Amino acid sequence: MSIDLPKPIATYYLADRENHSTVSDCFTENGVVIDEGKTYTGHEAIQKWKMGASRQYTYTVEPFLIEKRDGKTIVTAHVVGNFPGSPVDLRYFFVLQHEKIASLEIKI
């Protein structure tokens, strides 16, 4: 199934799949990621978060549902990898600002 993602979100998933080191470029200067109960703010922190996850786990992400609610774009994706609980459907709560991601919260 293919869904039409806004450009900043599509760019995020492409960077996650092909070049983890560029994921932070998808965010605003003070962008925020909340994942597994931890908050990462700014490009450097976001890059460390993504590089750490990429070193620790091998995974694939397939977005299959998109909705908008309360100013957020919510993408549900099927994630399969070598992490506890795999496979799982995760919800990615994006807030976009000027063609960048201002915030991302990842939830089960």
PDB file of N, CA and C in Angstrom:
ATOM      1  N   MET A   1       0.852  -1.185   0.000  1.00  0.00           N
ATOM      2  CA  MET A   1       0.000   0.000   0.000  1.00  0.00           C
ATOM      3  C   MET A   1       0.889   1.236   0.000  1.00  0.00           C
ATOM      4  N   SER A   2       0.556   2.159  -0.824  1.00  0.00           N
ATOM      5  CA  SER A   2       1.321   3.393  -0.910  1.00  0.00           C
ATOM      6  C   SER A   2       0.435   4.555  -0.459  1.00  0.00           C
ATOM      7  N   ILE A   3       0.999   5.425   0.373  1.00  0.00           N
ATOM      8  CA  ILE A   3       0.237   6.589   0.817  1.00  0.00           C
ATOM      9  C   ILE A   3       1.000   7.847   0.427  1.00  0.00           C
ATOM     10  N   ASP A   4       0.277   8.941   0.303  1.00  0.00           N
ATOM     11  CA  ASP A   4       0.859  10.215  -0.099  1.00  0.00           C
ATOM     12  C   ASP A   4       1.266  10.986   1.157  1.00  0.00           C
ATOM     13  N   LEU A   5       2.569  11.053   1.415  1.00  0.00           N
ATOM     14  CA  LEU A   5       3.089  11.737   2.600  1.00  0.00           C
ATOM     15  C   LEU A   5       3.504  13.157   2.248  1.00  0.00           C
ATOM     16  N   PRO A   6       3.291  14.120   3.159  1.00  0.00           N
ATOM     17  CA  PRO A   6       3.834  15.457   2.942  1.00  0.00           C
ATOM     18  C   PRO A   6       5.347  15.368   2.758  1.00  0.00           C
ATOM     19  N   LYS A   7       5.907  16.264   1.961  1.00  0.00           N
ATOM     20  CA  LYS A   7       7.321  16.190   1.600  1.00  0.00           C
ATOM     21  C   LYS A   7       8.267  16.057   2.798  1.00  0.00           C
ATOM     22  N   PRO A   8       8.139  16.858   3.870  1.00  0.00           N
ATOM     23  CA  PRO A   8       9.084  16.699   4.984  1.00  0.00           C
ATOM     24  C   PRO A   8       9.032  15.313   5.626  1.00  0.00           C
ATOM     25  N   ILE A   9       7.846  14.721   5.669  1.00  0.00           N
ATOM     26  CA  ILE A   9       7.691  13.391   6.269  1.00  0.00           C
ATOM     27  C   ILE A   9       8.250  12.329   5.335  1.00  0.00           C
ATOM     28  N   ALA A  10       7.970  12.445   4.040  1.00  0.00           N
ATOM     29  CA  ALA A  10       8.529  11.512   3.064  1.00  0.00           C
ATOM     30  C   ALA A  10      10.050  11.566   3.096  1.00  0.00           C
ATOM     31  N   THR A  11      10.605  12.762   3.212  1.00  0.00           N
ATOM     32  CA  THR A  11      12.059  12.934   3.282  1.00  0.00           C
ATOM     33  C   THR A  11      12.615  12.270   4.536  1.00  0.00           C
ATOM     34  N   TYR A  12      11.903  12.386   5.655  1.00  0.00           N
ATOM     35  CA  TYR A  12      12.323  11.747   6.906  1.00  0.00           C
ATOM     36  C   TYR A  12      12.419  10.226   6.726  1.00  0.00           C
ATOM     37  N   TYR A  13      11.369   9.612   6.184  1.00  0.00           N
ATOM     38  CA  TYR A  13      11.377   8.151   6.020  1.00  0.00           C
ATOM     39  C   TYR A  13      12.440   7.712   5.014  1.00  0.00           C
ATOM     40  N   LEU A  14      12.663   8.492   3.967  1.00  0.00           N
ATOM     41  CA  LEU A  14      13.703   8.175   2.996  1.00  0.00           C
ATOM     42  C   LEU A  14      15.083   8.245   3.656  1.00  0.00           C
ATOM     43  N   ALA A  15      15.335   9.286   4.428  1.00  0.00           N
ATOM     44  CA  ALA A  15      16.619   9.414   5.132  1.00  0.00           C
ATOM     45  C   ALA A  15      16.794   8.284   6.136  1.00  0.00           C
ATOM     46  N   ASP A  16      15.732   7.904   6.809  1.00  0.00           N
ATOM     47  CA  ASP A  16      15.802   6.814   7.784  1.00  0.00           C
ATOM     48  C   ASP A  16      16.161   5.497   7.096  1.00  0.00           C
ATOM     49  N   ARG A  17      15.646   5.309   5.902  1.00  0.00           N
ATOM     50  CA  ARG A  17      15.884   4.066   5.170  1.00  0.00           C
ATOM     51  C   ARG A  17      17.260   4.052   4.503  1.00  0.00           C
ATOM     52  N   GLU A  18      17.715   5.199   3.980  1.00  0.00           N
ATOM     53  CA  GLU A  18      18.905   5.199   3.137  1.00  0.00           C
ATOM     54  C   GLU A  18      20.162   5.783   3.775  1.00  0.00           C
ATOM     55  N   ASN A  19      20.011   6.781   4.647  1.00  0.00           N
ATOM     56  CA  ASN A  19      21.187   7.453   5.191  1.00  0.00           C
ATOM     57  C   ASN A  19      20.843   8.059   6.536  1.00  0.00           C
ATOM     58  N   HIS A  20      20.963   7.274   7.580  1.00  0.00           N
ATOM     59  CA  HIS A  20      20.540   7.708   8.915  1.00  0.00           C
ATOM     60  C   HIS A  20      21.178   9.028   9.349  1.00  0.00           C
ATOM     61  N   SER A  21      22.361   9.326   8.843  1.00  0.00           N
ATOM     62  CA  SER A  21      23.057  10.533   9.290  1.00  0.00           C
ATOM     63  C   SER A  21      22.378  11.816   8.813  1.00  0.00           C
ATOM     64  N   THR A  22      21.472  11.736   7.828  1.00  0.00           N
ATOM     65  CA  THR A  22      20.801  12.943   7.340  1.00  0.00           C
ATOM     66  C   THR A  22      19.412  13.151   7.943  1.00  0.00           C
ATOM     67  N   VAL A  23      18.978  12.272   8.826  1.00  0.00           N
ATOM     68  CA  VAL A  23      17.644  12.404   9.423  1.00  0.00           C
ATOM     69  C   VAL A  23      17.489  13.747  10.120  1.00  0.00           C
ATOM     70  N   SER A  24      18.506  14.196  10.835  1.00  0.00           N
ATOM     71  CA  SER A  24      18.390  15.453  11.585  1.00  0.00           C
ATOM     72  C   SER A  24      18.162  16.652  10.664  1.00  0.00           C
ATOM     73  N   ASP A  25      18.582  16.561   9.398  1.00  0.00           N
ATOM     74  CA  ASP A  25      18.373  17.654   8.447  1.00  0.00           C
ATOM     75  C   ASP A  25      16.893  17.862   8.134  1.00  0.00           C
ATOM     76  N   CYS A  26      16.065  16.899   8.435  1.00  0.00           N
ATOM     77  CA  CYS A  26      14.625  16.995   8.177  1.00  0.00           C
ATOM     78  C   CYS A  26      13.924  17.893   9.204  1.00  0.00           C
ATOM     79  N   PHE A  27      14.624  18.239  10.292  1.00  0.00           N
ATOM     80  CA  PHE A  27      14.027  18.962  11.413  1.00  0.00           C
ATOM     81  C   PHE A  27      14.412  20.436  11.415  1.00  0.00           C
ATOM     82  N   THR A  28      13.561  21.233  12.056  1.00  0.00           N
ATOM     83  CA  THR A  28      13.903  22.626  12.291  1.00  0.00           C
ATOM     84  C   THR A  28      15.110  22.685  13.223  1.00  0.00           C
ATOM     85  N   GLU A  29      15.717  23.844  13.321  1.00  0.00           N
ATOM     86  CA  GLU A  29      16.918  24.000  14.147  1.00  0.00           C
ATOM     87  C   GLU A  29      16.712  23.528  15.582  1.00  0.00           C
ATOM     88  N   ASN A  30      15.543  23.823  16.148  1.00  0.00           N
ATOM     89  CA  ASN A  30      15.229  23.413  17.517  1.00  0.00           C
ATOM     90  C   ASN A  30      14.211  22.280  17.544  1.00  0.00           C
ATOM     91  N   GLY A  31      14.235  21.451  16.507  1.00  0.00           N
ATOM     92  CA  GLY A  31      13.303  20.338  16.414  1.00  0.00           C
ATOM     93  C   GLY A  31      13.410  19.411  17.617  1.00  0.00           C
ATOM     94  N   VAL A  32      12.317  18.706  17.879  1.00  0.00           N
ATOM     95  CA  VAL A  32      12.236  17.831  19.045  1.00  0.00           C
ATOM     96  C   VAL A  32      11.766  16.450  18.609  1.00  0.00           C
ATOM     97  N   VAL A  33      12.411  15.412  19.163  1.00  0.00           N
ATOM     98  CA  VAL A  33      11.966  14.033  18.990  1.00  0.00           C
ATOM     99  C   VAL A  33      11.713  13.465  20.378  1.00  0.00           C
ATOM    100  N   ILE A  34      10.562  12.806  20.535  1.00  0.00           N
ATOM    101  CA  ILE A  34      10.258  12.076  21.768  1.00  0.00           C
ATOM    102  C   ILE A  34      10.093  10.614  21.370  1.00  0.00           C
ATOM    103  N   ASP A  35      10.957   9.767  21.928  1.00  0.00           N
ATOM    104  CA  ASP A  35      10.943   8.350  21.596  1.00  0.00           C
ATOM    105  C   ASP A  35      11.347   7.553  22.826  1.00  0.00           C
ATOM    106  N   GLU A  36      10.581   6.534  23.132  1.00  0.00           N
ATOM    107  CA  GLU A  36      10.837   5.659  24.279  1.00  0.00           C
ATOM    108  C   GLU A  36      11.013   6.449  25.577  1.00  0.00           C
ATOM    109  N   GLY A  37      10.190   7.477  25.748  1.00  0.00           N
ATOM    110  CA  GLY A  37      10.197   8.262  26.978  1.00  0.00           C
ATOM    111  C   GLY A  37      11.329   9.265  27.108  1.00  0.00           C
ATOM    112  N   LYS A  38      12.138   9.416  26.066  1.00  0.00           N
ATOM    113  CA  LYS A  38      13.250  10.367  26.106  1.00  0.00           C
ATOM    114  C   LYS A  38      13.031  11.457  25.078  1.00  0.00           C
ATOM    115  N   THR A  39      13.500  12.667  25.392  1.00  0.00           N
ATOM    116  CA  THR A  39      13.348  13.815  24.513  1.00  0.00           C
ATOM    117  C   THR A  39      14.705  14.243  23.984  1.00  0.00           C
ATOM    118  N   TYR A  40      14.756  14.497  22.680  1.00  0.00           N
ATOM    119  CA  TYR A  40      15.979  14.928  21.991  1.00  0.00           C
ATOM    120  C   TYR A  40      15.672  16.244  21.289  1.00  0.00           C
ATOM    121  N   THR A  41      16.445  17.286  21.581  1.00  0.00           N
ATOM    122  CA  THR A  41      16.174  18.616  21.036  1.00  0.00           C
ATOM    123  C   THR A  41      17.385  19.121  20.254  1.00  0.00           C
ATOM    124  N   GLY A  42      17.136  19.592  19.037  1.00  0.00           N
ATOM    125  CA  GLY A  42      18.189  20.146  18.186  1.00  0.00           C
ATOM    126  C   GLY A  42      18.827  19.088  17.303  1.00  0.00           C
ATOM    127  N   HIS A  43      19.485  19.577  16.242  1.00  0.00           N
ATOM    128  CA  HIS A  43      20.063  18.677  15.237  1.00  0.00           C
ATOM    129  C   HIS A  43      21.058  17.682  15.821  1.00  0.00           C
ATOM    130  N   GLU A  44      21.947  18.139  16.683  1.00  0.00           N
ATOM    131  CA  GLU A  44      22.974  17.252  17.220  1.00  0.00           C
ATOM    132  C   GLU A  44      22.358  16.111  18.039  1.00  0.00           C
ATOM    133  N   ALA A  45      21.421  16.453  18.913  1.00  0.00           N
ATOM    134  CA  ALA A  45      20.776  15.433  19.746  1.00  0.00           C
ATOM    135  C   ALA A  45      19.959  14.461  18.898  1.00  0.00           C
ATOM    136  N   ILE A  46      19.266  14.977  17.889  1.00  0.00           N
ATOM    137  CA  ILE A  46      18.462  14.121  17.014  1.00  0.00           C
ATOM    138  C   ILE A  46      19.370  13.192  16.213  1.00  0.00           C
ATOM    139  N   GLN A  47      20.490  13.700  15.740  1.00  0.00           N
ATOM    140  CA  GLN A  47      21.411  12.848  14.995  1.00  0.00           C
ATOM    141  C   GLN A  47      21.979  11.748  15.889  1.00  0.00           C
ATOM    142  N   LYS A  48      22.338  12.076  17.120  1.00  0.00           N
ATOM    143  CA  LYS A  48      22.844  11.055  18.046  1.00  0.00           C
ATOM    144  C   LYS A  48      21.781  10.002  18.338  1.00  0.00           C
ATOM    145  N   TRP A  49      20.532  10.443  18.514  1.00  0.00           N
ATOM    146  CA  TRP A  49      19.422   9.506  18.753  1.00  0.00           C
ATOM    147  C   TRP A  49      19.295   8.537  17.581  1.00  0.00           C
ATOM    148  N   LYS A  50      19.237   9.066  16.372  1.00  0.00           N
ATOM    149  CA  LYS A  50      19.011   8.220  15.199  1.00  0.00           C
ATOM    150  C   LYS A  50      20.201   7.308  14.947  1.00  0.00           C
ATOM    151  N   MET A  51      21.416   7.816  15.075  1.00  0.00           N
ATOM    152  CA  MET A  51      22.601   6.992  14.846  1.00  0.00           C
ATOM    153  C   MET A  51      22.693   5.884  15.898  1.00  0.00           C
ATOM    154  N   GLY A  52      22.328   6.190  17.134  1.00  0.00           N
ATOM    155  CA  GLY A  52      22.337   5.171  18.186  1.00  0.00           C
ATOM    156  C   GLY A  52      21.346   4.066  17.907  1.00  0.00           C
ATOM    157  N   ALA A  53      20.142   4.445  17.519  1.00  0.00           N
ATOM    158  CA  ALA A  53      19.114   3.444  17.199  1.00  0.00           C
ATOM    159  C   ALA A  53      19.529   2.611  15.994  1.00  0.00           C
ATOM    160  N   SER A  54      20.158   3.236  15.027  1.00  0.00           N
ATOM    161  CA  SER A  54      20.572   2.535  13.813  1.00  0.00           C
ATOM    162  C   SER A  54      21.717   1.564  14.080  1.00  0.00           C
ATOM    163  N   ARG A  55      22.591   1.903  15.014  1.00  0.00           N
ATOM    164  CA  ARG A  55      23.671   0.981  15.384  1.00  0.00           C
ATOM    165  C   ARG A  55      23.140  -0.198  16.193  1.00  0.00           C
ATOM    166  N   GLN A  56      22.145   0.078  17.023  1.00  0.00           N
ATOM    167  CA  GLN A  56      21.630  -0.949  17.924  1.00  0.00           C
ATOM    168  C   GLN A  56      20.688  -1.923  17.215  1.00  0.00           C
ATOM    169  N   TYR A  57      19.903  -1.421  16.264  1.00  0.00           N
ATOM    170  CA  TYR A  57      18.869  -2.246  15.645  1.00  0.00           C
ATOM    171  C   TYR A  57      18.921  -2.151  14.126  1.00  0.00           C
ATOM    172  N   THR A  58      18.524  -3.238  13.492  1.00  0.00           N
ATOM    173  CA  THR A  58      18.274  -3.252  12.056  1.00  0.00           C
ATOM    174  C   THR A  58      16.766  -3.357  11.902  1.00  0.00           C
ATOM    175  N   TYR A  59      16.176  -2.493  11.070  1.00  0.00           N
ATOM    176  CA  TYR A  59      14.716  -2.478  10.969  1.00  0.00           C
ATOM    177  C   TYR A  59      14.277  -1.909   9.631  1.00  0.00           C
ATOM    178  N   THR A  60      13.028  -2.196   9.283  1.00  0.00           N
ATOM    179  CA  THR A  60      12.377  -1.578   8.138  1.00  0.00           C
ATOM    180  C   THR A  60      11.097  -0.918   8.633  1.00  0.00           C
ATOM    181  N   VAL A  61      10.731   0.187   7.989  1.00  0.00           N
ATOM    182  CA  VAL A  61       9.536   0.946   8.350  1.00  0.00           C
ATOM    183  C   VAL A  61       8.690   1.124   7.095  1.00  0.00           C
ATOM    184  N   GLU A  62       7.439   0.718   7.186  1.00  0.00           N
ATOM    185  CA  GLU A  62       6.504   0.862   6.063  1.00  0.00           C
ATOM    186  C   GLU A  62       5.274   1.643   6.499  1.00  0.00           C
ATOM    187  N   PRO A  63       5.226   2.947   6.202  1.00  0.00           N
ATOM    188  CA  PRO A  63       4.023   3.727   6.528  1.00  0.00           C
ATOM    189  C   PRO A  63       2.818   3.213   5.738  1.00  0.00           C
ATOM    190  N   PHE A  64       1.671   3.099   6.427  1.00  0.00           N
ATOM    191  CA  PHE A  64       0.492   2.596   5.719  1.00  0.00           C
ATOM    192  C   PHE A  64      -0.776   3.402   5.976  1.00  0.00           C
ATOM    193  N   LEU A  65      -0.735   4.364   6.887  1.00  0.00           N
ATOM    194  CA  LEU A  65      -1.928   5.154   7.192  1.00  0.00           C
ATOM    195  C   LEU A  65      -1.492   6.555   7.583  1.00  0.00           C
ATOM    196  N   ILE A  66      -2.233   7.560   7.115  1.00  0.00           N
ATOM    197  CA  ILE A  66      -1.945   8.938   7.483  1.00  0.00           C
ATOM    198  C   ILE A  66      -3.255   9.632   7.832  1.00  0.00           C
ATOM    199  N   GLU A  67      -3.206  10.443   8.876  1.00  0.00           N
ATOM    200  CA  GLU A  67      -4.376  11.236   9.271  1.00  0.00           C
ATOM    201  C   GLU A  67      -3.891  12.539   9.885  1.00  0.00           C
ATOM    202  N   LYS A  68      -4.766  13.530   9.889  1.00  0.00           N
ATOM    203  CA  LYS A  68      -4.447  14.813  10.519  1.00  0.00           C
ATOM    204  C   LYS A  68      -5.411  15.046  11.662  1.00  0.00           C
ATOM    205  N   ARG A  69      -4.827  15.472  12.816  1.00  0.00           N
ATOM    206  CA  ARG A  69      -5.661  15.705  13.988  1.00  0.00           C
ATOM    207  C   ARG A  69      -4.940  16.666  14.914  1.00  0.00           C
ATOM    208  N   ASP A  70      -5.668  17.697  15.363  1.00  0.00           N
ATOM    209  CA  ASP A  70      -5.149  18.650  16.337  1.00  0.00           C
ATOM    210  C   ASP A  70      -3.813  19.264  15.917  1.00  0.00           C
ATOM    211  N   GLY A  71      -3.680  19.600  14.644  1.00  0.00           N
ATOM    212  CA  GLY A  71      -2.461  20.241  14.150  1.00  0.00           C
ATOM    213  C   GLY A  71      -1.299  19.290  13.929  1.00  0.00           C
ATOM    214  N   LYS A  72      -1.548  17.996  14.054  1.00  0.00           N
ATOM    215  CA  LYS A  72      -0.490  17.001  13.872  1.00  0.00           C
ATOM    216  C   LYS A  72      -0.821  16.108  12.679  1.00  0.00           C
ATOM    217  N   THR A  73       0.219  15.654  12.028  1.00  0.00           N
ATOM    218  CA  THR A  73       0.079  14.651  10.992  1.00  0.00           C
ATOM    219  C   THR A  73       0.528  13.339  11.611  1.00  0.00           C
ATOM    220  N   ILE A  74      -0.385  12.378  11.664  1.00  0.00           N
ATOM    221  CA  ILE A  74      -0.113  11.101  12.335  1.00  0.00           C
ATOM    222  C   ILE A  74       0.051  10.025  11.273  1.00  0.00           C
ATOM    223  N   VAL A  75       1.224   9.416  11.272  1.00  0.00           N
ATOM    224  CA  VAL A  75       1.519   8.341  10.333  1.00  0.00           C
ATOM    225  C   VAL A  75       1.647   7.049  11.129  1.00  0.00           C
ATOM    226  N   THR A  76       0.909   6.036  10.714  1.00  0.00           N
ATOM    227  CA  THR A  76       1.045   4.718  11.319  1.00  0.00           C
ATOM    228  C   THR A  76       1.885   3.880  10.369  1.00  0.00           C
ATOM    229  N   ALA A  77       2.904   3.214  10.942  1.00  0.00           N
ATOM    230  CA  ALA A  77       3.833   2.446  10.119  1.00  0.00           C
ATOM    231  C   ALA A  77       4.081   1.078  10.745  1.00  0.00           C
ATOM    232  N   HIS A  78       4.274   0.105   9.886  1.00  0.00           N
ATOM    233  CA  HIS A  78       4.619  -1.253  10.315  1.00  0.00           C
ATOM    234  C   HIS A  78       6.141  -1.315  10.399  1.00  0.00           C
ATOM    235  N   VAL A  79       6.662  -1.651  11.569  1.00  0.00           N
ATOM    236  CA  VAL A  79       8.100  -1.673  11.806  1.00  0.00           C
ATOM    237  C   VAL A  79       8.508  -3.105  12.166  1.00  0.00           C
ATOM    238  N   VAL A  80       9.484  -3.612  11.425  1.00  0.00           N
ATOM    239  CA  VAL A  80       9.981  -4.971  11.620  1.00  0.00           C
ATOM    240  C   VAL A  80      11.494  -4.903  11.774  1.00  0.00           C
ATOM    241  N   GLY A  81      12.012  -5.585  12.799  1.00  0.00           N
ATOM    242  CA  GLY A  81      13.461  -5.579  12.973  1.00  0.00           C
ATOM    243  C   GLY A  81      13.900  -6.492  14.096  1.00  0.00           C
ATOM    244  N   ASN A  82      15.142  -6.299  14.516  1.00  0.00           N
ATOM    245  CA  ASN A  82      15.730  -7.135  15.567  1.00  0.00           C
ATOM    246  C   ASN A  82      15.661  -6.443  16.927  1.00  0.00           C
ATOM    247  N   PHE A  83      14.509  -5.892  17.240  1.00  0.00           N
ATOM    248  CA  PHE A  83      14.296  -5.221  18.519  1.00  0.00           C
ATOM    249  C   PHE A  83      13.193  -5.936  19.282  1.00  0.00           C
ATOM    250  N   PRO A  84      13.169  -5.796  20.601  1.00  0.00           N
ATOM    251  CA  PRO A  84      12.122  -6.458  21.398  1.00  0.00           C
ATOM    252  C   PRO A  84      10.724  -5.996  20.960  1.00  0.00           C
ATOM    253  N   GLY A  85       9.828  -6.940  20.789  1.00  0.00           N
ATOM    254  CA  GLY A  85       8.445  -6.611  20.425  1.00  0.00           C
ATOM    255  C   GLY A  85       8.181  -6.573  18.931  1.00  0.00           C
ATOM    256  N   SER A  86       9.201  -6.812  18.123  1.00  0.00           N
ATOM    257  CA  SER A  86       9.036  -6.781  16.672  1.00  0.00           C
ATOM    258  C   SER A  86       8.215  -7.987  16.217  1.00  0.00           C
ATOM    259  N   PRO A  87       7.357  -7.788  15.220  1.00  0.00           N
ATOM    260  CA  PRO A  87       7.010  -6.549  14.544  1.00  0.00           C
ATOM    261  C   PRO A  87       5.985  -5.751  15.352  1.00  0.00           C
ATOM    262  N   VAL A  88       5.885  -4.455  15.027  1.00  0.00           N
ATOM    263  CA  VAL A  88       4.965  -3.583  15.739  1.00  0.00           C
ATOM    264  C   VAL A  88       4.487  -2.481  14.798  1.00  0.00           C
ATOM    265  N   ASP A  89       3.272  -2.012  15.029  1.00  0.00           N
ATOM    266  CA  ASP A  89       2.769  -0.842  14.319  1.00  0.00           C
ATOM    267  C   ASP A  89       2.971   0.357  15.237  1.00  0.00           C
ATOM    268  N   LEU A  90       3.758   1.321  14.773  1.00  0.00           N
ATOM    269  CA  LEU A  90       4.038   2.532  15.552  1.00  0.00           C
ATOM    270  C   LEU A  90       3.312   3.709  14.943  1.00  0.00           C
ATOM    271  N   ARG A  91       2.954   4.659  15.809  1.00  0.00           N
ATOM    272  CA  ARG A  91       2.347   5.918  15.351  1.00  0.00           C
ATOM    273  C   ARG A  91       3.380   7.025  15.521  1.00  0.00           C
ATOM    274  N   TYR A  92       3.567   7.777  14.460  1.00  0.00           N
ATOM    275  CA  TYR A  92       4.509   8.886  14.412  1.00  0.00           C
ATOM    276  C   TYR A  92       3.687  10.172  14.353  1.00  0.00           C
ATOM    277  N   PHE A  93       3.790  10.983  15.397  1.00  0.00           N
ATOM    278  CA  PHE A  93       3.035  12.238  15.494  1.00  0.00           C
ATOM    279  C   PHE A  93       3.952  13.376  15.072  1.00  0.00           C
ATOM    280  N   PHE A  94       3.757  13.886  13.861  1.00  0.00           N
ATOM    281  CA  PHE A  94       4.588  14.950  13.309  1.00  0.00           C
ATOM    282  C   PHE A  94       3.895  16.301  13.445  1.00  0.00           C
ATOM    283  N   VAL A  95       4.667  17.326  13.791  1.00  0.00           N
ATOM    284  CA  VAL A  95       4.234  18.717  13.668  1.00  0.00           C
ATOM    285  C   VAL A  95       5.185  19.352  12.668  1.00  0.00           C
ATOM    286  N   LEU A  96       4.614  19.893  11.599  1.00  0.00           N
ATOM    287  CA  LEU A  96       5.417  20.476  10.529  1.00  0.00           C
ATOM    288  C   LEU A  96       5.454  21.988  10.643  1.00  0.00           C
ATOM    289  N   GLN A  97       6.584  22.550  10.206  1.00  0.00           N
ATOM    290  CA  GLN A  97       6.748  24.009  10.238  1.00  0.00           C
ATOM    291  C   GLN A  97       7.694  24.396   9.105  1.00  0.00           C
ATOM    292  N   HIS A  98       7.191  25.172   8.153  1.00  0.00           N
ATOM    293  CA  HIS A  98       8.013  25.686   7.049  1.00  0.00           C
ATOM    294  C   HIS A  98       8.798  24.582   6.341  1.00  0.00           C
ATOM    295  N   GLU A  99       8.100  23.536   5.909  1.00  0.00           N
ATOM    296  CA  GLU A  99       8.701  22.433   5.157  1.00  0.00           C
ATOM    297  C   GLU A  99       9.757  21.645   5.934  1.00  0.00           C
ATOM    298  N   LYS A 100       9.699  21.727   7.249  1.00  0.00           N
ATOM    299  CA  LYS A 100      10.574  20.944   8.126  1.00  0.00           C
ATOM    300  C   LYS A 100       9.704  20.314   9.214  1.00  0.00           C
ATOM    301  N   ILE A 101      10.296  19.394   9.954  1.00  0.00           N
ATOM    302  CA  ILE A 101       9.615  18.776  11.084  1.00  0.00           C
ATOM    303  C   ILE A 101       9.996  19.553  12.330  1.00  0.00           C
ATOM    304  N   ALA A 102       8.992  20.115  13.007  1.00  0.00           N
ATOM    305  CA  ALA A 102       9.243  20.832  14.267  1.00  0.00           C
ATOM    306  C   ALA A 102       9.273  19.867  15.428  1.00  0.00           C
ATOM    307  N   SER A 103       8.427  18.829  15.380  1.00  0.00           N
ATOM    308  CA  SER A 103       8.444  17.837  16.435  1.00  0.00           C
ATOM    309  C   SER A 103       7.946  16.497  15.908  1.00  0.00           C
ATOM    310  N   LEU A 104       8.441  15.451  16.544  1.00  0.00           N
ATOM    311  CA  LEU A 104       8.047  14.087  16.234  1.00  0.00           C
ATOM    312  C   LEU A 104       7.969  13.319  17.535  1.00  0.00           C
ATOM    313  N   GLU A 105       6.829  12.697  17.773  1.00  0.00           N
ATOM    314  CA  GLU A 105       6.682  11.797  18.908  1.00  0.00           C
ATOM    315  C   GLU A 105       6.301  10.428  18.369  1.00  0.00           C
ATOM    316  N   ILE A 106       7.022   9.405  18.804  1.00  0.00           N
ATOM    317  CA  ILE A 106       6.785   8.050  18.339  1.00  0.00           C
ATOM    318  C   ILE A 106       6.154   7.253  19.471  1.00  0.00           C
ATOM    319  N   LYS A 107       4.991   6.633  19.156  1.00  0.00           N
ATOM    320  CA  LYS A 107       4.243   5.884  20.164  1.00  0.00           C
ATOM    321  C   LYS A 107       3.797   4.545  19.611  1.00  0.00           C
ATOM    322  N   ILE A 108       3.582   3.603  20.528  1.00  0.00           N
ATOM    323  CA  ILE A 108       2.999   2.323  20.135  1.00  0.00           C
ATOM    324  C   ILE A 108       1.516   2.505  19.950  1.00  0.00           C
TER     325      ILE A 108
END
